[in-house]
């Protein structure tokens, strides 16, 4: 009985962490499926607005020497909050890891 109780507690603790993650994943999945449903006529290889905006910002940073912060700030009108958050994460993540990515691509 003691082993089952301890195992159950352990599983419960694990389930608690997983439920937290699973809940957000389900929420994102639900949002993604509603987005997919609204763009059912779009080609399957279409690029999301967040990824397109992130690419444009990174291109301007690389080619024009632009600063990312003002470009990211200007997204408030163009993108919905979820796309804007994804764009921020993509741009800042790439810039944060740029040296590592450049080295990895060189090898």
Protein backbone atom coordinates (compact mmCIF):
# COMPACT_ATOMS: atom_id res chain seq x y z
CA UNK A 1 0.00 0.00 0.00
CA UNK A 2 2.82 2.38 0.79
CA UNK A 3 4.42 1.87 -2.62
CA UNK A 4 1.18 2.57 -4.44
CA UNK A 5 0.62 5.71 -2.40
CA UNK A 6 4.13 6.97 -3.09
CA UNK A 7 3.90 6.06 -6.76
CA UNK A 8 0.50 7.68 -7.01
CA UNK A 9 1.84 10.85 -5.43
CA UNK A 10 4.77 10.83 -7.78
CA UNK A 11 2.55 10.31 -10.79
CA UNK A 12 0.23 13.02 -9.54
CA UNK A 13 3.13 15.43 -9.27
CA UNK A 14 4.29 14.53 -12.74
CA UNK A 15 0.78 14.79 -14.06
CA UNK A 16 0.48 18.21 -12.46
CA UNK A 17 3.48 19.52 -14.38
CA UNK A 18 2.39 17.80 -17.56
CA UNK A 19 -1.15 19.07 -17.19
CA UNK A 20 0.18 22.58 -17.02
CA UNK A 21 2.17 22.10 -20.20
CA UNK A 22 -0.52 20.01 -21.81
CA UNK A 23 -3.08 22.70 -21.13
CA UNK A 24 -1.06 25.33 -22.90
CA UNK A 25 -0.26 22.97 -25.73
CA UNK A 26 -3.93 22.18 -26.13
CA UNK A 27 -4.75 25.87 -26.11
CA UNK A 28 -2.13 26.51 -28.77
CA UNK A 29 -3.34 23.51 -30.73
CA UNK A 30 -6.91 24.75 -30.52
CA UNK A 31 -5.80 28.17 -31.74
CA UNK A 32 -3.80 26.58 -34.53
CA UNK A 33 -6.69 24.42 -35.64
CA UNK A 34 -9.05 27.41 -35.68
CA UNK A 35 -6.46 29.29 -37.74
CA UNK A 36 -6.13 26.33 -40.07
CA UNK A 37 -9.89 26.10 -40.41
CA UNK A 38 -10.13 29.77 -41.42
CA UNK A 39 -7.36 29.35 -43.99
CA UNK A 40 -8.62 26.09 -45.47
CA UNK A 41 -8.29 27.51 -48.99
CA UNK A 42 -4.69 28.65 -48.42
CA UNK A 43 -1.87 26.45 -49.70
CA UNK A 44 -0.48 24.04 -47.12
CA UNK A 45 3.01 25.53 -47.49
CA UNK A 46 1.90 29.10 -46.72
CA UNK A 47 4.13 30.98 -44.29
CA UNK A 48 2.49 32.35 -41.15
CA UNK A 49 2.35 36.14 -40.75
CA UNK A 50 4.58 35.93 -37.65
CA UNK A 51 7.28 34.01 -39.48
CA UNK A 52 7.09 36.32 -42.50
CA UNK A 53 7.42 39.40 -40.24
CA UNK A 54 10.33 37.81 -38.34
CA UNK A 55 12.10 37.06 -41.60
CA UNK A 56 11.65 40.65 -42.81
CA UNK A 57 12.96 42.07 -39.54
CA UNK A 58 15.98 39.75 -39.53
CA UNK A 59 16.65 40.58 -43.19
CA UNK A 60 16.60 44.32 -42.44
CA UNK A 61 18.85 43.85 -39.40
CA UNK A 62 21.37 41.90 -41.49
CA UNK A 63 21.28 43.88 -44.75
CA UNK A 64 20.50 47.42 -43.59
CA UNK A 65 22.00 47.34 -40.09
CA UNK A 66 18.59 48.25 -38.67
CA UNK A 67 17.82 47.87 -34.99
CA UNK A 68 15.36 45.10 -34.16
CA UNK A 69 13.60 46.87 -31.27
CA UNK A 70 11.89 49.64 -33.29
CA UNK A 71 10.96 47.15 -36.00
CA UNK A 72 9.40 44.84 -33.42
CA UNK A 73 7.58 47.78 -31.83
CA UNK A 74 6.01 48.68 -35.16
CA UNK A 75 4.32 45.26 -35.34
CA UNK A 76 1.62 46.25 -32.84
CA UNK A 77 -0.76 47.31 -35.61
CA UNK A 78 0.03 44.65 -38.20
CA UNK A 79 -0.20 41.38 -36.21
CA UNK A 80 -2.55 39.89 -33.67
CA UNK A 81 -1.09 39.36 -30.16
CA UNK A 82 -0.21 35.67 -30.64
CA UNK A 83 1.58 36.29 -33.95
CA UNK A 84 3.36 39.31 -32.48
CA UNK A 85 4.59 37.22 -29.53
CA UNK A 86 5.85 34.49 -31.86
CA UNK A 87 7.60 37.06 -34.04
CA UNK A 88 9.32 38.56 -30.97
CA UNK A 89 10.50 35.12 -29.84
CA UNK A 90 11.81 34.21 -33.29
CA UNK A 91 13.67 37.48 -33.86
CA UNK A 92 15.17 37.76 -30.39
CA UNK A 93 16.03 34.06 -30.29
CA UNK A 94 17.87 34.24 -33.61
CA UNK A 95 19.72 37.40 -32.64
CA UNK A 96 20.61 35.94 -29.24
CA UNK A 97 22.07 32.82 -30.84
CA UNK A 98 23.43 34.39 -34.01
CA UNK A 99 27.10 33.60 -33.38
CA UNK A 100 26.30 29.97 -32.55
CA UNK A 101 24.03 29.65 -35.60
CA UNK A 102 26.63 31.20 -37.92
CA UNK A 103 29.30 28.84 -36.61
CA UNK A 104 26.99 25.82 -36.92
CA UNK A 105 26.14 26.73 -40.50
CA UNK A 106 29.81 27.24 -41.38
CA UNK A 107 30.67 23.64 -40.40
